[in-house]
Amino acid sequence: MKLAFTAFTAFIGLLFISLTSFAHGPTPQKAKESIVINASVEKVWEQVKQFDDIASWHPDVKFSTGDNKYESGGSRTLTFTSGEQLQDELDYYNDKEHEYSYRLKAENVKALPVSSYSVELQVKPGDAANTSVVTLKSRFYRGDTGNTPPENLNDAAAVTAINAYFKNGLAALKEKLEK
């Protein structure tokens, strides 16, 4: 009887541990999109280097404003075509290397269904002469960080939204610079 009780107790303990492992909250998601543009690195960088002027090339952003600080701590506010706003802050900016990284400063899940993100933008020479590769990559969390988020704020919604945002921006940038 004692052995049966010990086995039962061990079983309940293992069951409890396995069930609680599913209740751990969100895991970070990742997105990466790249595009080849038939333009020099310098021409592409000239278009994207102004952190607070993303509205000049991204169709999802109606207008953008910022503090014109192209260094760590610089900030911008994006107003999307929906009217919703997000605030970003620069973490790193390197004009010589044609890259910068930034993070979400103030969350708005109506603008993008994420609770936080960090993004890297990089412009590198392409394989062919006078071409560039622009890469956007991000690490982010879904909009609702609870254990059972609604569909519009879950991992899939966040991944879909970030990928669409990147693809729309890169396609528009390519179109603008290849005219």
C-alpha atoms as a PDB file:
ATOM      1  CA  MET A   1       0.000   0.000   0.000  1.00  0.00           C
ATOM      2  CA  LYS A   2       2.852   2.322   0.866  1.00  0.00           C
ATOM      3  CA  LEU A   3       4.441   1.695  -2.564  1.00  0.00           C
ATOM      4  CA  ALA A   4       1.165   2.461  -4.346  1.00  0.00           C
ATOM      5  CA  PHE A   5       0.804   5.734  -2.418  1.00  0.00           C
ATOM      6  CA  THR A   6       4.399   6.742  -3.279  1.00  0.00           C
ATOM      7  CA  ALA A   7       3.867   5.913  -6.953  1.00  0.00           C
ATOM      8  CA  PHE A   8       0.597   7.858  -6.987  1.00  0.00           C
ATOM      9  CA  THR A   9       2.250  10.871  -5.325  1.00  0.00           C
ATOM     10  CA  ALA A  10       5.095  10.783  -7.847  1.00  0.00           C
ATOM     11  CA  PHE A  11       2.587  10.572 -10.713  1.00  0.00           C
ATOM     12  CA  ILE A  12       0.639  13.597  -9.420  1.00  0.00           C
ATOM     13  CA  GLY A  13       3.893  15.537  -9.003  1.00  0.00           C
ATOM     14  CA  LEU A  14       4.996  14.804 -12.562  1.00  0.00           C
ATOM     15  CA  LEU A  15       1.551  15.671 -13.890  1.00  0.00           C
ATOM     16  CA  PHE A  16       1.622  19.008 -12.067  1.00  0.00           C
ATOM     17  CA  ILE A  17       5.096  19.842 -13.382  1.00  0.00           C
ATOM     18  CA  SER A  18       4.164  18.966 -16.960  1.00  0.00           C
ATOM     19  CA  LEU A  19       0.964  21.013 -16.857  1.00  0.00           C
ATOM     20  CA  THR A  20       2.623  24.091 -15.394  1.00  0.00           C
ATOM     21  CA  SER A  21       5.284  24.016 -18.094  1.00  0.00           C
ATOM     22  CA  PHE A  22       2.589  25.007 -20.600  1.00  0.00           C
ATOM     23  CA  ALA A  23       1.669  28.100 -18.599  1.00  0.00           C
ATOM     24  CA  HIS A  24       4.831  30.101 -19.107  1.00  0.00           C
ATOM     25  CA  GLY A  25       3.650  33.092 -21.139  1.00  0.00           C
ATOM     26  CA  PRO A  26       4.912  34.279 -24.500  1.00  0.00           C
ATOM     27  CA  THR A  27       8.113  33.330 -26.257  1.00  0.00           C
ATOM     28  CA  PRO A  28      10.000  35.813 -28.414  1.00  0.00           C
ATOM     29  CA  GLN A  29       9.143  35.734 -32.099  1.00  0.00           C
ATOM     30  CA  LYS A  30      11.462  36.656 -34.957  1.00  0.00           C
ATOM     31  CA  ALA A  31      11.038  38.092 -38.425  1.00  0.00           C
ATOM     32  CA  LYS A  32      13.552  38.779 -41.168  1.00  0.00           C
ATOM     33  CA  GLU A  33      12.905  40.203 -44.616  1.00  0.00           C
ATOM     34  CA  SER A  34      15.404  41.260 -47.275  1.00  0.00           C
ATOM     35  CA  ILE A  35      15.107  42.751 -50.727  1.00  0.00           C
ATOM     36  CA  VAL A  36      17.553  43.432 -53.548  1.00  0.00           C
ATOM     37  CA  ILE A  37      17.309  46.947 -54.944  1.00  0.00           C
ATOM     38  CA  ASN A  38      18.865  48.020 -58.231  1.00  0.00           C
ATOM     39  CA  ALA A  39      20.568  51.058 -56.733  1.00  0.00           C
ATOM     40  CA  SER A  40      23.842  51.785 -54.982  1.00  0.00           C
ATOM     41  CA  VAL A  41      24.227  51.389 -51.238  1.00  0.00           C
ATOM     42  CA  GLU A  42      24.733  55.147 -50.997  1.00  0.00           C
ATOM     43  CA  LYS A  43      21.475  55.919 -52.827  1.00  0.00           C
ATOM     44  CA  VAL A  44      19.490  53.443 -50.708  1.00  0.00           C
ATOM     45  CA  TRP A  45      21.086  54.621 -47.470  1.00  0.00           C
ATOM     46  CA  GLU A  46      20.337  58.242 -48.370  1.00  0.00           C
ATOM     47  CA  GLN A  47      16.642  57.299 -48.443  1.00  0.00           C
ATOM     48  CA  VAL A  48      16.466  55.221 -45.240  1.00  0.00           C
ATOM     49  CA  LYS A  49      19.095  56.827 -43.011  1.00  0.00           C
ATOM     50  CA  GLN A  50      16.802  59.512 -41.657  1.00  0.00           C
ATOM     51  CA  PHE A  51      15.256  57.530 -38.845  1.00  0.00           C
ATOM     52  CA  ASP A  52      12.375  59.934 -38.339  1.00  0.00           C
ATOM     53  CA  ASP A  53      11.433  60.191 -42.042  1.00  0.00           C
ATOM     54  CA  ILE A  54      10.160  56.656 -42.655  1.00  0.00           C
ATOM     55  CA  ALA A  55       6.892  58.090 -44.007  1.00  0.00           C
ATOM     56  CA  SER A  56       8.797  59.233 -47.110  1.00  0.00           C
ATOM     57  CA  TRP A  57       9.126  55.618 -48.267  1.00  0.00           C
ATOM     58  CA  HIS A  58       6.887  53.327 -46.173  1.00  0.00           C
ATOM     59  CA  PRO A  59       3.270  53.152 -47.418  1.00  0.00           C
ATOM     60  CA  ASP A  60       1.851  52.019 -44.062  1.00  0.00           C
ATOM     61  CA  VAL A  61       3.124  55.178 -42.342  1.00  0.00           C
ATOM     62  CA  LYS A  62       1.052  58.285 -43.054  1.00  0.00           C
ATOM     63  CA  PHE A  63       3.546  60.613 -41.389  1.00  0.00           C
ATOM     64  CA  SER A  64       6.438  60.492 -38.998  1.00  0.00           C
ATOM     65  CA  THR A  65       8.122  63.007 -36.750  1.00  0.00           C
ATOM     66  CA  GLY A  66      11.190  62.873 -34.593  1.00  0.00           C
ATOM     67  CA  ASP A  67      13.901  64.738 -32.782  1.00  0.00           C
ATOM     68  CA  ASN A  68      16.459  64.546 -35.648  1.00  0.00           C
ATOM     69  CA  LYS A  69      18.908  62.769 -33.332  1.00  0.00           C
ATOM     70  CA  TYR A  70      20.551  60.026 -35.335  1.00  0.00           C
ATOM     71  CA  GLU A  71      22.237  58.383 -32.365  1.00  0.00           C
ATOM     72  CA  SER A  72      21.310  56.227 -29.407  1.00  0.00           C
ATOM     73  CA  GLY A  73      18.307  57.780 -27.675  1.00  0.00           C
ATOM     74  CA  GLY A  74      16.918  59.459 -30.796  1.00  0.00           C
ATOM     75  CA  SER A  75      13.162  59.055 -31.072  1.00  0.00           C
ATOM     76  CA  ARG A  76      10.349  59.133 -33.600  1.00  0.00           C
ATOM     77  CA  THR A  77       6.581  58.920 -33.637  1.00  0.00           C
ATOM     78  CA  LEU A  78       4.891  57.050 -36.474  1.00  0.00           C
ATOM     79  CA  THR A  79       1.307  57.691 -37.482  1.00  0.00           C
ATOM     80  CA  PHE A  80      -0.062  54.810 -39.512  1.00  0.00           C
ATOM     81  CA  THR A  81      -2.651  55.114 -42.267  1.00  0.00           C
ATOM     82  CA  SER A  82      -5.152  53.814 -39.689  1.00  0.00           C
ATOM     83  CA  GLY A  83      -4.445  56.889 -37.540  1.00  0.00           C
ATOM     84  CA  GLU A  84      -2.823  54.805 -34.784  1.00  0.00           C
ATOM     85  CA  GLN A  85       0.597  55.825 -33.478  1.00  0.00           C
ATOM     86  CA  LEU A  86       3.765  54.119 -32.261  1.00  0.00           C
ATOM     87  CA  GLN A  87       6.896  55.564 -30.704  1.00  0.00           C
ATOM     88  CA  ASP A  88      10.352  54.161 -31.427  1.00  0.00           C
ATOM     89  CA  GLU A  89      13.760  54.892 -29.939  1.00  0.00           C
ATOM     90  CA  LEU A  90      17.167  54.402 -31.567  1.00  0.00           C
ATOM     91  CA  ASP A  91      19.564  52.033 -29.845  1.00  0.00           C
ATOM     92  CA  TYR A  92      22.384  52.154 -32.379  1.00  0.00           C
ATOM     93  CA  TYR A  93      23.156  54.228 -35.469  1.00  0.00           C
ATOM     94  CA  ASN A  94      26.159  53.832 -37.789  1.00  0.00           C
ATOM     95  CA  ASP A  95      26.194  56.024 -40.882  1.00  0.00           C
ATOM     96  CA  LYS A  96      29.459  54.498 -42.144  1.00  0.00           C
ATOM     97  CA  GLU A  97      28.183  50.906 -41.891  1.00  0.00           C
ATOM     98  CA  HIS A  98      24.717  51.865 -43.217  1.00  0.00           C
ATOM     99  CA  GLU A  99      22.764  50.395 -40.335  1.00  0.00           C
ATOM    100  CA  TYR A 100      20.749  51.229 -37.273  1.00  0.00           C
ATOM    101  CA  SER A 101      18.645  49.481 -34.669  1.00  0.00           C
ATOM    102  CA  TYR A 102      15.696  50.660 -32.658  1.00  0.00           C
ATOM    103  CA  ARG A 103      13.040  49.462 -30.250  1.00  0.00           C
ATOM    104  CA  LEU A 104       9.430  50.135 -29.448  1.00  0.00           C
ATOM    105  CA  LYS A 105       9.232  52.901 -26.874  1.00  0.00           C
ATOM    106  CA  ALA A 106       5.459  53.018 -26.334  1.00  0.00           C
ATOM    107  CA  GLU A 107       3.178  50.092 -27.166  1.00  0.00           C
ATOM    108  CA  ASN A 108      -0.085  50.429 -29.118  1.00  0.00           C
ATOM    109  CA  VAL A 109      -1.556  47.058 -30.113  1.00  0.00           C
ATOM    110  CA  LYS A 110      -4.057  48.804 -32.397  1.00  0.00           C
ATOM    111  CA  ALA A 111      -1.152  49.979 -34.554  1.00  0.00           C
ATOM    112  CA  LEU A 112       0.753  46.658 -34.472  1.00  0.00           C
ATOM    113  CA  PRO A 113      -0.325  43.649 -32.360  1.00  0.00           C
ATOM    114  CA  VAL A 114       2.967  43.473 -30.454  1.00  0.00           C
ATOM    115  CA  SER A 115       3.871  44.403 -26.894  1.00  0.00           C
ATOM    116  CA  SER A 116       7.524  45.083 -27.661  1.00  0.00           C
ATOM    117  CA  TYR A 117       9.994  44.811 -30.509  1.00  0.00           C
ATOM    118  CA  SER A 118      13.547  45.563 -31.500  1.00  0.00           C
ATOM    119  CA  VAL A 119      14.436  46.046 -35.164  1.00  0.00           C
ATOM    120  CA  GLU A 120      17.677  46.195 -37.131  1.00  0.00           C
ATOM    121  CA  LEU A 121      17.867  47.870 -40.539  1.00  0.00           C
ATOM    122  CA  GLN A 122      20.942  47.230 -42.664  1.00  0.00           C
ATOM    123  CA  VAL A 123      21.975  48.176 -46.209  1.00  0.00           C
ATOM    124  CA  LYS A 124      24.761  46.104 -47.790  1.00  0.00           C
ATOM    125  CA  PRO A 125      26.142  45.799 -51.338  1.00  0.00           C
ATOM    126  CA  GLY A 126      24.348  43.236 -53.500  1.00  0.00           C
ATOM    127  CA  ASP A 127      26.021  40.512 -55.555  1.00  0.00           C
ATOM    128  CA  ALA A 128      25.609  42.402 -58.837  1.00  0.00           C
ATOM    129  CA  ALA A 129      27.172  45.780 -59.539  1.00  0.00           C
ATOM    130  CA  ASN A 130      25.151  48.792 -58.409  1.00  0.00           C
ATOM    131  CA  THR A 131      22.721  46.734 -56.309  1.00  0.00           C
ATOM    132  CA  SER A 132      21.963  46.769 -52.612  1.00  0.00           C
ATOM    133  CA  VAL A 133      20.400  44.365 -50.158  1.00  0.00           C
ATOM    134  CA  VAL A 134      18.209  45.928 -47.509  1.00  0.00           C
ATOM    135  CA  THR A 135      17.465  43.716 -44.523  1.00  0.00           C
ATOM    136  CA  LEU A 136      15.014  44.268 -41.712  1.00  0.00           C
ATOM    137  CA  LYS A 137      15.049  41.848 -38.826  1.00  0.00           C
ATOM    138  CA  SER A 138      13.193  41.908 -35.569  1.00  0.00           C
ATOM    139  CA  ARG A 139      12.652  40.164 -32.282  1.00  0.00           C
ATOM    140  CA  PHE A 140       9.258  40.822 -30.709  1.00  0.00           C
ATOM    141  CA  TYR A 141       6.510  39.642 -28.390  1.00  0.00           C
ATOM    142  CA  ARG A 142       2.832  39.264 -29.154  1.00  0.00           C
ATOM    143  CA  GLY A 143       0.383  41.976 -28.156  1.00  0.00           C
ATOM    144  CA  ASP A 144      -1.143  40.083 -25.244  1.00  0.00           C
ATOM    145  CA  THR A 145       1.521  38.508 -23.065  1.00  0.00           C
ATOM    146  CA  GLY A 146      -0.936  36.485 -20.998  1.00  0.00           C
ATOM    147  CA  ASN A 147      -1.192  32.710 -21.264  1.00  0.00           C
ATOM    148  CA  THR A 148      -4.325  32.684 -23.457  1.00  0.00           C
ATOM    149  CA  PRO A 149      -4.264  35.733 -25.741  1.00  0.00           C
ATOM    150  CA  PRO A 150      -7.146  36.516 -28.101  1.00  0.00           C
ATOM    151  CA  GLU A 151      -6.530  35.669 -31.768  1.00  0.00           C
ATOM    152  CA  ASN A 152      -5.861  39.272 -32.765  1.00  0.00           C
ATOM    153  CA  LEU A 153      -3.040  39.564 -30.181  1.00  0.00           C
ATOM    154  CA  ASN A 154      -1.456  36.089 -30.318  1.00  0.00           C
ATOM    155  CA  ASP A 155       1.895  34.974 -31.758  1.00  0.00           C
ATOM    156  CA  ALA A 156       0.483  34.342 -35.241  1.00  0.00           C
ATOM    157  CA  ALA A 157      -1.100  37.807 -35.404  1.00  0.00           C
ATOM    158  CA  ALA A 158       2.164  39.437 -34.304  1.00  0.00           C
ATOM    159  CA  VAL A 159       4.275  37.485 -36.825  1.00  0.00           C
ATOM    160  CA  THR A 160       1.835  38.233 -39.652  1.00  0.00           C
ATOM    161  CA  ALA A 161       1.729  41.952 -38.813  1.00  0.00           C
ATOM    162  CA  ILE A 162       5.499  42.421 -38.496  1.00  0.00           C
ATOM    163  CA  ASN A 163       6.196  40.471 -41.701  1.00  0.00           C
ATOM    164  CA  ALA A 164       3.571  42.487 -43.611  1.00  0.00           C
ATOM    165  CA  TYR A 165       4.977  45.749 -42.239  1.00  0.00           C
ATOM    166  CA  PHE A 166       8.495  44.790 -43.345  1.00  0.00           C
ATOM    167  CA  LYS A 167       7.419  43.479 -46.773  1.00  0.00           C
ATOM    168  CA  ASN A 168       5.256  46.524 -47.531  1.00  0.00           C
ATOM    169  CA  GLY A 169       8.066  48.887 -46.615  1.00  0.00           C
ATOM    170  CA  LEU A 170      10.761  47.056 -48.551  1.00  0.00           C
ATOM    171  CA  ALA A 171       8.603  46.676 -51.677  1.00  0.00           C
ATOM    172  CA  ALA A 172       7.748  50.390 -51.643  1.00  0.00           C
ATOM    173  CA  LEU A 173      11.395  51.335 -51.084  1.00  0.00           C
ATOM    174  CA  LYS A 174      12.433  49.207 -54.066  1.00  0.00           C
ATOM    175  CA  GLU A 175       9.733  50.728 -56.257  1.00  0.00           C
ATOM    176  CA  LYS A 176      10.671  54.272 -55.264  1.00  0.00           C
ATOM    177  CA  LEU A 177      14.407  53.828 -55.828  1.00  0.00           C
ATOM    178  CA  GLU A 178      14.174  51.879 -59.088  1.00  0.00           C
ATOM    179  CA  LYS A 179      12.042  54.469 -60.910  1.00  0.00           C
END
